[in-house]
Amino acid sequence: MRTDDAEFDRLVEPLRRELHAHCYRLLGSAHDADDALQDALLRAWRGLDRFEGRSSMRTWLYTIATRTCLDIVAARGKRALPMDLGPSSERVVLDQIPLTEVAWLGPYPDGPESRYERREAIELAFVAALQHLPGNQRAALVLFDVLGFSAAEIASTMDTSVSAVNSALQRARAIVADKVPPPGGRPDDTRTREIAAGFASALERGDADALVALLTEDVTWSMPPLAQWYSGIEAVAGFAAEVPLGRCPSWRTEIVTANGQPAVACYLGEATDAVHHPWSITVLSLRDDRIRDITSFLDADLFARFGLPPAKS
């Protein structure tokens, strides 16, 4: 099969977003997914003459993307959240030093063109759980349970046997089931937006009571790249009152979505009338109509990826 650059781009473009999401699931980093997809498409272009049409273009590209990601997993290892490193903090920890040597899990920006097979297949808890799997189990689970590939197709993709794929799936499902919390009820989109707006408003107003009223009893709050995290409403409420609502002078916020979940882009200013600079993308994981997990990614570089302004007044 021979084609030119324009024809190759035409064939690939409808699949680009879903291939990028696939790479993110396997790698836990949108930046790594950028690199993996670029490398995979280069491999596909160079090998296009060997594509014989025995499978669909989509299946062939997923095969190349998966193998590319597995190479990266083997070279770089897994990504983590603070709860993967140690127990939660019982008291507020101030002046934490970011752990730059840890490969941290990152958020994934949603766009209007996103078409996920299931919303939970990109959620933060699921992607974090995947990081606990060896590369072959990670790929098998995503290809089978999320993308609907057959065991035979996965065996061909991963150059292994169907029995090995089925064994990998069984082990992977057991680990993921242990790591992903029970989902509970899912609020409708209107209520989801209300919860995110309530969190953002409470943060801007410095209203600890309003913020705590949005939380479950077993809520967690983590802030990669900081190692300390908090678990339970008492510890989280104490942290919220002491640090973001007590020591941070002024907040401005913007509601976004990440990993198919509500999220709040948080800008920090030295005073209410000062320029507010990017501080965190805070992803809210919900159970019923309360916030179960707060994950604040403290990385100003993320704001450009989310299409957010570089500052707020």
C-alpha atoms as a PDB file:
ATOM      1  CA  MET A   1       0.000   0.000   0.000  1.00  0.00           C
ATOM      2  CA  ARG A   2       1.531   3.304  -1.091  1.00  0.00           C
ATOM      3  CA  THR A   3       0.201   6.773  -0.401  1.00  0.00           C
ATOM      4  CA  ASP A   4       1.436  10.317  -0.014  1.00  0.00           C
ATOM      5  CA  ASP A   5       1.648  12.480   3.095  1.00  0.00           C
ATOM      6  CA  ALA A   6      -1.740  14.099   2.547  1.00  0.00           C
ATOM      7  CA  GLU A   7      -3.495  10.765   2.078  1.00  0.00           C
ATOM      8  CA  PHE A   8      -1.816   9.322   5.174  1.00  0.00           C
ATOM      9  CA  ASP A   9      -2.910  12.347   7.216  1.00  0.00           C
ATOM     10  CA  ARG A  10      -6.462  11.933   5.916  1.00  0.00           C
ATOM     11  CA  LEU A  11      -6.535   8.301   7.033  1.00  0.00           C
ATOM     12  CA  VAL A  12      -5.030   9.026  10.442  1.00  0.00           C
ATOM     13  CA  GLU A  13      -6.784  12.253  11.429  1.00  0.00           C
ATOM     14  CA  PRO A  14     -10.156  10.717  12.467  1.00  0.00           C
ATOM     15  CA  LEU A  15      -8.267   8.328  14.769  1.00  0.00           C
ATOM     16  CA  ARG A  16      -5.713  10.750  16.194  1.00  0.00           C
ATOM     17  CA  ARG A  17      -7.650  11.769  19.325  1.00  0.00           C
ATOM     18  CA  GLU A  18      -8.626   8.234  20.334  1.00  0.00           C
ATOM     19  CA  LEU A  19      -5.082   6.986  19.705  1.00  0.00           C
ATOM     20  CA  HIS A  20      -3.754   9.794  21.915  1.00  0.00           C
ATOM     21  CA  ALA A  21      -6.215   8.842  24.684  1.00  0.00           C
ATOM     22  CA  HIS A  22      -5.080   5.223  24.337  1.00  0.00           C
ATOM     23  CA  CYS A  23      -1.456   6.241  24.779  1.00  0.00           C
ATOM     24  CA  TYR A  24      -2.419   8.341  27.823  1.00  0.00           C
ATOM     25  CA  ARG A  25      -4.203   5.413  29.468  1.00  0.00           C
ATOM     26  CA  LEU A  26      -1.130   3.240  29.065  1.00  0.00           C
ATOM     27  CA  LEU A  27       1.401   5.900  30.069  1.00  0.00           C
ATOM     28  CA  GLY A  28      -0.427   8.128  32.580  1.00  0.00           C
ATOM     29  CA  SER A  29       0.984  11.315  31.053  1.00  0.00           C
ATOM     30  CA  ALA A  30      -0.394  13.527  28.282  1.00  0.00           C
ATOM     31  CA  HIS A  31       3.175  14.631  27.510  1.00  0.00           C
ATOM     32  CA  ASP A  32       4.328  11.019  27.146  1.00  0.00           C
ATOM     33  CA  ALA A  33       1.233  10.345  25.027  1.00  0.00           C
ATOM     34  CA  ASP A  34       2.325  13.164  22.691  1.00  0.00           C
ATOM     35  CA  ASP A  35       5.728  11.544  22.241  1.00  0.00           C
ATOM     36  CA  ALA A  36       4.305   8.038  21.882  1.00  0.00           C
ATOM     37  CA  LEU A  37       1.738   9.022  19.271  1.00  0.00           C
ATOM     38  CA  GLN A  38       4.283  10.984  17.256  1.00  0.00           C
ATOM     39  CA  ASP A  39       6.666   8.025  17.317  1.00  0.00           C
ATOM     40  CA  ALA A  40       3.877   5.553  16.494  1.00  0.00           C
ATOM     41  CA  LEU A  41       2.670   7.544  13.504  1.00  0.00           C
ATOM     42  CA  LEU A  42       6.225   7.874  12.241  1.00  0.00           C
ATOM     43  CA  ARG A  43       6.607   4.101  12.528  1.00  0.00           C
ATOM     44  CA  ALA A  44       3.291   3.657  10.707  1.00  0.00           C
ATOM     45  CA  TRP A  45       4.329   5.989   7.892  1.00  0.00           C
ATOM     46  CA  ARG A  46       7.649   4.239   7.467  1.00  0.00           C
ATOM     47  CA  GLY A  47       5.965   0.827   7.480  1.00  0.00           C
ATOM     48  CA  LEU A  48       2.973   1.708   5.334  1.00  0.00           C
ATOM     49  CA  ASP A  49       4.246  -0.315   2.397  1.00  0.00           C
ATOM     50  CA  ARG A  50       4.044  -3.409   4.623  1.00  0.00           C
ATOM     51  CA  PHE A  51       0.400  -2.820   5.561  1.00  0.00           C
ATOM     52  CA  GLU A  52      -1.390  -5.573   3.667  1.00  0.00           C
ATOM     53  CA  GLY A  53      -4.956  -4.745   4.647  1.00  0.00           C
ATOM     54  CA  ARG A  54      -5.565  -7.996   6.541  1.00  0.00           C
ATOM     55  CA  SER A  55      -6.781  -5.885   9.445  1.00  0.00           C
ATOM     56  CA  SER A  56      -8.399  -2.463   9.477  1.00  0.00           C
ATOM     57  CA  MET A  57      -6.278   0.689   9.465  1.00  0.00           C
ATOM     58  CA  ARG A  58      -7.581   1.366  12.991  1.00  0.00           C
ATOM     59  CA  THR A  59      -6.451  -2.023  14.308  1.00  0.00           C
ATOM     60  CA  TRP A  60      -3.071  -1.662  12.623  1.00  0.00           C
ATOM     61  CA  LEU A  61      -2.493   1.791  14.125  1.00  0.00           C
ATOM     62  CA  TYR A  62      -3.549   0.597  17.578  1.00  0.00           C
ATOM     63  CA  THR A  63      -1.065  -2.247  17.271  1.00  0.00           C
ATOM     64  CA  ILE A  64       1.770   0.160  16.486  1.00  0.00           C
ATOM     65  CA  ALA A  65       0.699   2.631  19.190  1.00  0.00           C
ATOM     66  CA  THR A  66       0.446  -0.127  21.808  1.00  0.00           C
ATOM     67  CA  ARG A  67       3.870  -1.522  21.008  1.00  0.00           C
ATOM     68  CA  THR A  68       5.333   1.992  21.104  1.00  0.00           C
ATOM     69  CA  CYS A  69       3.799   2.589  24.536  1.00  0.00           C
ATOM     70  CA  LEU A  70       5.059  -0.733  25.859  1.00  0.00           C
ATOM     71  CA  ASP A  71       8.573   0.266  24.814  1.00  0.00           C
ATOM     72  CA  ILE A  72       8.179   3.493  26.812  1.00  0.00           C
ATOM     73  CA  VAL A  73       6.755   1.649  29.832  1.00  0.00           C
ATOM     74  CA  ALA A  74       9.733  -0.708  29.800  1.00  0.00           C
ATOM     75  CA  ALA A  75      12.160   2.212  29.640  1.00  0.00           C
ATOM     76  CA  ARG A  76      10.504   4.667  32.070  1.00  0.00           C
ATOM     77  CA  GLY A  77       8.477   2.581  34.505  1.00  0.00           C
ATOM     78  CA  LYS A  78       5.147   3.571  36.013  1.00  0.00           C
ATOM     79  CA  ARG A  79       3.710   6.905  37.098  1.00  0.00           C
ATOM     80  CA  ALA A  80       2.453   7.544  40.612  1.00  0.00           C
ATOM     81  CA  LEU A  81       0.154   9.593  42.805  1.00  0.00           C
ATOM     82  CA  PRO A  82       1.094  10.591  46.369  1.00  0.00           C
ATOM     83  CA  MET A  83      -0.954   7.748  47.890  1.00  0.00           C
ATOM     84  CA  ASP A  84       1.278   5.276  46.036  1.00  0.00           C
ATOM     85  CA  LEU A  85       4.303   6.496  48.013  1.00  0.00           C
ATOM     86  CA  GLY A  86       3.129   6.263  51.599  1.00  0.00           C
ATOM     87  CA  PRO A  87       0.336   6.766  54.151  1.00  0.00           C
ATOM     88  CA  SER A  88      -1.686   9.942  54.477  1.00  0.00           C
ATOM     89  CA  SER A  89      -0.616  12.756  56.796  1.00  0.00           C
ATOM     90  CA  GLU A  90      -2.537  13.060  60.056  1.00  0.00           C
ATOM     91  CA  ARG A  91      -1.647  16.732  60.501  1.00  0.00           C
ATOM     92  CA  VAL A  92      -1.053  19.618  58.148  1.00  0.00           C
ATOM     93  CA  VAL A  93       2.434  19.671  56.625  1.00  0.00           C
ATOM     94  CA  LEU A  94       3.721  23.096  55.594  1.00  0.00           C
ATOM     95  CA  ASP A  95       6.589  24.080  53.282  1.00  0.00           C
ATOM     96  CA  GLN A  96       6.694  20.794  51.427  1.00  0.00           C
ATOM     97  CA  ILE A  97       9.429  20.293  48.850  1.00  0.00           C
ATOM     98  CA  PRO A  98       8.249  18.895  45.485  1.00  0.00           C
ATOM     99  CA  LEU A  99       9.586  15.438  44.679  1.00  0.00           C
ATOM    100  CA  THR A 100      10.987  15.995  41.223  1.00  0.00           C
ATOM    101  CA  GLU A 101      12.549  12.540  41.012  1.00  0.00           C
ATOM    102  CA  VAL A 102       9.116  10.869  40.980  1.00  0.00           C
ATOM    103  CA  ALA A 103       7.365  10.280  37.659  1.00  0.00           C
ATOM    104  CA  TRP A 104       3.943  11.687  38.543  1.00  0.00           C
ATOM    105  CA  LEU A 105       0.646  10.789  36.964  1.00  0.00           C
ATOM    106  CA  GLY A 106      -0.837  13.727  35.065  1.00  0.00           C
ATOM    107  CA  PRO A 107      -4.358  14.889  34.158  1.00  0.00           C
ATOM    108  CA  TYR A 108      -5.875  14.560  30.714  1.00  0.00           C
ATOM    109  CA  PRO A 109      -7.725  17.546  29.179  1.00  0.00           C
ATOM    110  CA  ASP A 110     -11.107  16.855  27.644  1.00  0.00           C
ATOM    111  CA  GLY A 111     -12.113  18.505  24.410  1.00  0.00           C
ATOM    112  CA  PRO A 112     -15.441  18.913  22.590  1.00  0.00           C
ATOM    113  CA  GLU A 113     -14.271  16.311  20.103  1.00  0.00           C
ATOM    114  CA  SER A 114     -13.650  13.650  22.787  1.00  0.00           C
ATOM    115  CA  ARG A 115     -15.425  10.405  22.078  1.00  0.00           C
ATOM    116  CA  TYR A 116     -14.581   7.973  24.841  1.00  0.00           C
ATOM    117  CA  GLU A 117     -16.052   4.492  24.747  1.00  0.00           C
ATOM    118  CA  ARG A 118     -16.964   4.914  28.419  1.00  0.00           C
ATOM    119  CA  ARG A 119     -16.332   7.943  30.570  1.00  0.00           C
ATOM    120  CA  GLU A 120     -14.874   5.805  33.372  1.00  0.00           C
ATOM    121  CA  ALA A 121     -12.249   4.446  30.945  1.00  0.00           C
ATOM    122  CA  ILE A 122     -10.331   7.736  31.162  1.00  0.00           C
ATOM    123  CA  GLU A 123     -11.117   8.638  34.794  1.00  0.00           C
ATOM    124  CA  LEU A 124      -8.184   9.373  37.066  1.00  0.00           C
ATOM    125  CA  ALA A 125      -8.752   6.414  39.402  1.00  0.00           C
ATOM    126  CA  PHE A 126      -8.764   3.955  36.491  1.00  0.00           C
ATOM    127  CA  VAL A 127      -5.644   5.387  34.849  1.00  0.00           C
ATOM    128  CA  ALA A 128      -3.894   5.434  38.249  1.00  0.00           C
ATOM    129  CA  ALA A 129      -4.832   1.782  38.803  1.00  0.00           C
ATOM    130  CA  LEU A 130      -3.427   0.839  35.388  1.00  0.00           C
ATOM    131  CA  GLN A 131      -0.044   2.134  36.519  1.00  0.00           C
ATOM    132  CA  HIS A 132       0.152  -0.738  39.015  1.00  0.00           C
ATOM    133  CA  LEU A 133       0.066  -3.295  36.193  1.00  0.00           C
ATOM    134  CA  PRO A 134       2.985  -4.635  34.167  1.00  0.00           C
ATOM    135  CA  GLY A 135       2.946  -3.322  30.621  1.00  0.00           C
ATOM    136  CA  ASN A 136       1.491  -6.467  29.035  1.00  0.00           C
ATOM    137  CA  GLN A 137      -1.397  -6.609  31.518  1.00  0.00           C
ATOM    138  CA  ARG A 138      -2.046  -2.893  31.152  1.00  0.00           C
ATOM    139  CA  ALA A 139      -2.256  -3.150  27.376  1.00  0.00           C
ATOM    140  CA  ALA A 140      -4.381  -6.301  27.394  1.00  0.00           C
ATOM    141  CA  LEU A 141      -6.916  -4.811  29.790  1.00  0.00           C
ATOM    142  CA  VAL A 142      -7.271  -1.549  27.870  1.00  0.00           C
ATOM    143  CA  LEU A 143      -7.479  -3.233  24.478  1.00  0.00           C
ATOM    144  CA  PHE A 144     -10.060  -5.805  25.629  1.00  0.00           C
ATOM    145  CA  ASP A 145     -12.219  -4.038  28.215  1.00  0.00           C
ATOM    146  CA  VAL A 146     -12.063  -0.475  26.889  1.00  0.00           C
ATOM    147  CA  LEU A 147     -11.588  -0.815  23.135  1.00  0.00           C
ATOM    148  CA  GLY A 148     -13.304  -4.139  22.507  1.00  0.00           C
ATOM    149  CA  PHE A 149     -10.455  -5.961  20.780  1.00  0.00           C
ATOM    150  CA  SER A 150     -10.702  -9.745  20.788  1.00  0.00           C
ATOM    151  CA  ALA A 151      -8.200 -11.902  22.656  1.00  0.00           C
ATOM    152  CA  ALA A 152      -6.902 -13.120  19.277  1.00  0.00           C
ATOM    153  CA  GLU A 153      -6.378  -9.546  18.045  1.00  0.00           C
ATOM    154  CA  ILE A 154      -4.582  -8.639  21.265  1.00  0.00           C
ATOM    155  CA  ALA A 155      -2.384 -11.721  20.992  1.00  0.00           C
ATOM    156  CA  SER A 156      -1.374 -10.615  17.495  1.00  0.00           C
ATOM    157  CA  THR A 157      -0.778  -7.036  18.676  1.00  0.00           C
ATOM    158  CA  MET A 158       1.425  -8.158  21.558  1.00  0.00           C
ATOM    159  CA  ASP A 159       3.058 -11.076  19.720  1.00  0.00           C
ATOM    160  CA  THR A 160       1.883 -13.647  22.264  1.00  0.00           C
ATOM    161  CA  SER A 161      -0.721 -16.406  22.652  1.00  0.00           C
ATOM    162  CA  VAL A 162      -4.442 -16.142  23.334  1.00  0.00           C
ATOM    163  CA  SER A 163      -3.998 -18.090  26.574  1.00  0.00           C
ATOM    164  CA  ALA A 164      -1.339 -15.608  27.699  1.00  0.00           C
ATOM    165  CA  VAL A 165      -3.714 -12.727  26.936  1.00  0.00           C
ATOM    166  CA  ASN A 166      -6.543 -14.342  28.922  1.00  0.00           C
ATOM    167  CA  SER A 167      -4.205 -14.936  31.847  1.00  0.00           C
ATOM    168  CA  ALA A 168      -2.997 -11.324  31.724  1.00  0.00           C
ATOM    169  CA  LEU A 169      -6.602 -10.100  31.667  1.00  0.00           C
ATOM    170  CA  GLN A 170      -7.548 -12.158  34.712  1.00  0.00           C
ATOM    171  CA  ARG A 171      -4.631 -10.857  36.776  1.00  0.00           C
ATOM    172  CA  ALA A 172      -5.113  -7.275  35.590  1.00  0.00           C
ATOM    173  CA  ARG A 173      -8.812  -7.176  36.446  1.00  0.00           C
ATOM    174  CA  ALA A 174      -8.141  -8.408  39.977  1.00  0.00           C
ATOM    175  CA  ILE A 175      -5.570  -5.666  40.614  1.00  0.00           C
ATOM    176  CA  VAL A 176      -7.678  -2.891  39.083  1.00  0.00           C
ATOM    177  CA  ALA A 177     -10.769  -3.968  41.020  1.00  0.00           C
ATOM    178  CA  ASP A 178      -8.739  -3.676  44.224  1.00  0.00           C
ATOM    179  CA  LYS A 179      -7.383  -0.224  43.327  1.00  0.00           C
ATOM    180  CA  VAL A 180     -10.453   1.517  41.877  1.00  0.00           C
ATOM    181  CA  PRO A 181     -12.978   2.545  44.566  1.00  0.00           C
ATOM    182  CA  PRO A 182     -16.633   1.537  44.157  1.00  0.00           C
ATOM    183  CA  PRO A 183     -18.228   4.112  41.878  1.00  0.00           C
ATOM    184  CA  GLY A 184     -21.434   4.808  43.782  1.00  0.00           C
ATOM    185  CA  GLY A 185     -24.017   6.903  41.980  1.00  0.00           C
ATOM    186  CA  ARG A 186     -23.019   9.358  39.283  1.00  0.00           C
ATOM    187  CA  PRO A 187     -24.661  12.796  39.455  1.00  0.00           C
ATOM    188  CA  ASP A 188     -26.116  14.164  36.254  1.00  0.00           C
ATOM    189  CA  ASP A 189     -24.229  16.786  34.279  1.00  0.00           C
ATOM    190  CA  THR A 190     -26.133  19.676  35.834  1.00  0.00           C
ATOM    191  CA  ARG A 191     -25.365  18.548  39.376  1.00  0.00           C
ATOM    192  CA  THR A 192     -21.752  17.828  38.417  1.00  0.00           C
ATOM    193  CA  ARG A 193     -21.324  21.406  37.216  1.00  0.00           C
ATOM    194  CA  GLU A 194     -22.968  22.686  40.397  1.00  0.00           C
ATOM    195  CA  ILE A 195     -20.527  20.739  42.567  1.00  0.00           C
ATOM    196  CA  ALA A 196     -17.503  22.036  40.637  1.00  0.00           C
ATOM    197  CA  ALA A 197     -18.862  25.578  40.771  1.00  0.00           C
ATOM    198  CA  GLY A 198     -19.518  25.224  44.494  1.00  0.00           C
ATOM    199  CA  PHE A 199     -15.950  24.080  45.118  1.00  0.00           C
ATOM    200  CA  ALA A 200     -14.554  26.947  43.048  1.00  0.00           C
ATOM    201  CA  SER A 201     -16.769  29.514  44.739  1.00  0.00           C
ATOM    202  CA  ALA A 202     -15.888  28.275  48.244  1.00  0.00           C
ATOM    203  CA  LEU A 203     -12.199  28.491  47.377  1.00  0.00           C
ATOM    204  CA  GLU A 204     -12.495  32.053  46.046  1.00  0.00           C
ATOM    205  CA  ARG A 205     -14.560  33.191  49.054  1.00  0.00           C
ATOM    206  CA  GLY A 206     -12.391  31.380  51.607  1.00  0.00           C
ATOM    207  CA  ASP A 207     -15.505  29.604  52.890  1.00  0.00           C
ATOM    208  CA  ALA A 208     -14.339  26.464  54.688  1.00  0.00           C
ATOM    209  CA  ASP A 209     -17.847  25.398  55.748  1.00  0.00           C
ATOM    210  CA  ALA A 210     -19.170  25.544  52.188  1.00  0.00           C
ATOM    211  CA  LEU A 211     -16.195  23.583  50.884  1.00  0.00           C
ATOM    212  CA  VAL A 212     -16.442  20.874  53.572  1.00  0.00           C
ATOM    213  CA  ALA A 213     -20.177  20.493  52.906  1.00  0.00           C
ATOM    214  CA  LEU A 214     -19.302  19.226  49.412  1.00  0.00           C
ATOM    215  CA  LEU A 215     -17.088  16.363  50.652  1.00  0.00           C
ATOM    216  CA  THR A 216     -17.651  12.708  51.508  1.00  0.00           C
ATOM    217  CA  GLU A 217     -16.579  11.441  54.921  1.00  0.00           C
ATOM    218  CA  ASP A 218     -13.714   9.439  53.372  1.00  0.00           C
ATOM    219  CA  VAL A 219     -12.510  12.223  51.051  1.00  0.00           C
ATOM    220  CA  THR A 220      -8.838  12.470  50.061  1.00  0.00           C
ATOM    221  CA  TRP A 221      -6.798  15.476  48.920  1.00  0.00           C
ATOM    222  CA  SER A 222      -3.466  15.001  47.161  1.00  0.00           C
ATOM    223  CA  MET A 223      -1.208  17.508  45.399  1.00  0.00           C
ATOM    224  CA  PRO A 224       1.448  16.009  43.129  1.00  0.00           C
ATOM    225  CA  PRO A 225       4.399  16.722  43.035  1.00  0.00           C
ATOM    226  CA  LEU A 226       4.069  16.990  46.844  1.00  0.00           C
ATOM    227  CA  ALA A 227       4.304  13.678  48.673  1.00  0.00           C
ATOM    228  CA  GLN A 228       1.976  14.444  51.582  1.00  0.00           C
ATOM    229  CA  TRP A 229      -1.720  13.783  51.183  1.00  0.00           C
ATOM    230  CA  TYR A 230      -4.761  13.809  53.444  1.00  0.00           C
ATOM    231  CA  SER A 231      -7.526  11.277  54.031  1.00  0.00           C
ATOM    232  CA  GLY A 232     -10.842  11.646  55.836  1.00  0.00           C
ATOM    233  CA  ILE A 233     -13.003  14.715  56.220  1.00  0.00           C
ATOM    234  CA  GLU A 234     -11.351  15.869  59.445  1.00  0.00           C
ATOM    235  CA  ALA A 235      -7.822  15.831  57.999  1.00  0.00           C
ATOM    236  CA  VAL A 236      -8.920  17.331  54.678  1.00  0.00           C
ATOM    237  CA  ALA A 237     -10.963  20.049  56.392  1.00  0.00           C
ATOM    238  CA  GLY A 238      -7.971  20.908  58.582  1.00  0.00           C
ATOM    239  CA  PHE A 239      -5.686  21.140  55.566  1.00  0.00           C
ATOM    240  CA  ALA A 240      -8.193  23.228  53.603  1.00  0.00           C
ATOM    241  CA  ALA A 241      -8.668  25.703  56.449  1.00  0.00           C
ATOM    242  CA  GLU A 242      -4.932  25.977  57.155  1.00  0.00           C
ATOM    243  CA  VAL A 243      -3.436  26.159  53.661  1.00  0.00           C
ATOM    244  CA  PRO A 244      -5.566  27.006  50.596  1.00  0.00           C
ATOM    245  CA  LEU A 245      -8.151  28.967  52.613  1.00  0.00           C
ATOM    246  CA  GLY A 246      -5.839  30.279  55.317  1.00  0.00           C
ATOM    247  CA  ARG A 247      -2.384  30.939  53.887  1.00  0.00           C
ATOM    248  CA  CYS A 248      -3.139  31.602  50.218  1.00  0.00           C
ATOM    249  CA  PRO A 249      -4.151  35.267  49.819  1.00  0.00           C
ATOM    250  CA  SER A 250      -6.521  35.157  46.847  1.00  0.00           C
ATOM    251  CA  TRP A 251      -7.868  32.677  44.322  1.00  0.00           C
ATOM    252  CA  ARG A 252      -9.414  32.965  40.878  1.00  0.00           C
ATOM    253  CA  THR A 253     -10.869  29.884  39.228  1.00  0.00           C
ATOM    254  CA  GLU A 254     -12.176  28.523  35.959  1.00  0.00           C
ATOM    255  CA  ILE A 255     -14.266  25.370  35.565  1.00  0.00           C
ATOM    256  CA  VAL A 256     -12.826  22.818  33.136  1.00  0.00           C
ATOM    257  CA  THR A 257     -13.026  19.065  32.640  1.00  0.00           C
ATOM    258  CA  ALA A 258     -10.219  16.531  32.888  1.00  0.00           C
ATOM    259  CA  ASN A 259     -10.268  12.749  32.609  1.00  0.00           C
ATOM    260  CA  GLY A 260     -14.009  12.902  31.933  1.00  0.00           C
ATOM    261  CA  GLN A 261     -14.464  14.521  35.351  1.00  0.00           C
ATOM    262  CA  PRO A 262     -15.171  18.017  36.676  1.00  0.00           C
ATOM    263  CA  ALA A 263     -12.045  20.049  37.369  1.00  0.00           C
ATOM    264  CA  VAL A 264     -11.134  23.530  38.538  1.00  0.00           C
ATOM    265  CA  ALA A 265      -8.229  25.556  37.193  1.00  0.00           C
ATOM    266  CA  CYS A 266      -6.912  27.517  40.174  1.00  0.00           C
ATOM    267  CA  TYR A 267      -5.003  30.806  39.848  1.00  0.00           C
ATOM    268  CA  LEU A 268      -3.224  32.237  42.907  1.00  0.00           C
ATOM    269  CA  GLY A 269      -2.674  35.935  43.593  1.00  0.00           C
ATOM    270  CA  GLU A 270      -0.871  37.865  46.315  1.00  0.00           C
ATOM    271  CA  ALA A 271      -3.968  40.010  46.868  1.00  0.00           C
ATOM    272  CA  THR A 272      -7.494  40.261  45.512  1.00  0.00           C
ATOM    273  CA  ASP A 273      -6.493  43.122  43.205  1.00  0.00           C
ATOM    274  CA  ALA A 274      -3.237  41.492  42.050  1.00  0.00           C
ATOM    275  CA  VAL A 275      -2.576  39.441  38.951  1.00  0.00           C
ATOM    276  CA  HIS A 276      -3.387  35.780  39.619  1.00  0.00           C
ATOM    277  CA  HIS A 277      -1.004  33.212  38.160  1.00  0.00           C
ATOM    278  CA  PRO A 278      -1.614  29.533  37.270  1.00  0.00           C
ATOM    279  CA  TRP A 279      -1.277  27.252  40.276  1.00  0.00           C
ATOM    280  CA  SER A 280      -3.112  23.952  39.859  1.00  0.00           C
ATOM    281  CA  ILE A 281      -5.502  21.890  37.811  1.00  0.00           C
ATOM    282  CA  THR A 282      -7.691  20.319  40.505  1.00  0.00           C
ATOM    283  CA  VAL A 283      -9.611  17.218  39.416  1.00  0.00           C
ATOM    284  CA  LEU A 284     -12.709  16.325  41.426  1.00  0.00           C
ATOM    285  CA  SER A 285     -13.732  12.661  41.653  1.00  0.00           C
ATOM    286  CA  LEU A 286     -17.370  12.326  42.699  1.00  0.00           C
ATOM    287  CA  ARG A 287     -19.446   9.749  44.527  1.00  0.00           C
ATOM    288  CA  ASP A 288     -23.177  10.383  44.422  1.00  0.00           C
ATOM    289  CA  ASP A 289     -23.403  14.174  44.863  1.00  0.00           C
ATOM    290  CA  ARG A 290     -20.251  14.659  46.936  1.00  0.00           C
ATOM    291  CA  ILE A 291     -16.525  14.982  46.221  1.00  0.00           C
ATOM    292  CA  ARG A 292     -14.664  11.773  47.071  1.00  0.00           C
ATOM    293  CA  ASP A 293     -11.169  12.698  45.888  1.00  0.00           C
ATOM    294  CA  ILE A 294      -9.466  16.033  45.227  1.00  0.00           C
ATOM    295  CA  THR A 295      -6.304  15.809  43.136  1.00  0.00           C
ATOM    296  CA  SER A 296      -4.547  19.134  42.663  1.00  0.00           C
ATOM    297  CA  PHE A 297      -1.839  18.943  40.003  1.00  0.00           C
ATOM    298  CA  LEU A 298       0.538  21.759  40.923  1.00  0.00           C
ATOM    299  CA  ASP A 299       1.959  22.503  37.501  1.00  0.00           C
ATOM    300  CA  ALA A 300       1.535  25.865  35.782  1.00  0.00           C
ATOM    301  CA  ASP A 301       2.626  24.324  32.466  1.00  0.00           C
ATOM    302  CA  LEU A 302      -0.640  22.358  32.346  1.00  0.00           C
ATOM    303  CA  PHE A 303      -2.692  25.499  31.776  1.00  0.00           C
ATOM    304  CA  ALA A 304      -1.600  25.900  28.154  1.00  0.00           C
ATOM    305  CA  ARG A 305      -2.507  22.281  27.438  1.00  0.00           C
ATOM    306  CA  PHE A 306      -6.003  22.971  28.797  1.00  0.00           C
ATOM    307  CA  GLY A 307      -6.313  26.062  26.606  1.00  0.00           C
ATOM    308  CA  LEU A 308      -6.464  28.352  29.641  1.00  0.00           C
ATOM    309  CA  PRO A 309      -5.318  31.974  29.880  1.00  0.00           C
ATOM    310  CA  PRO A 310      -1.822  32.569  31.317  1.00  0.00           C
ATOM    311  CA  ALA A 311      -3.160  34.818  34.100  1.00  0.00           C
ATOM    312  CA  LYS A 312      -6.317  36.252  35.636  1.00  0.00           C
ATOM    313  CA  SER A 313      -6.912  39.653  37.196  1.00  0.00           C
END
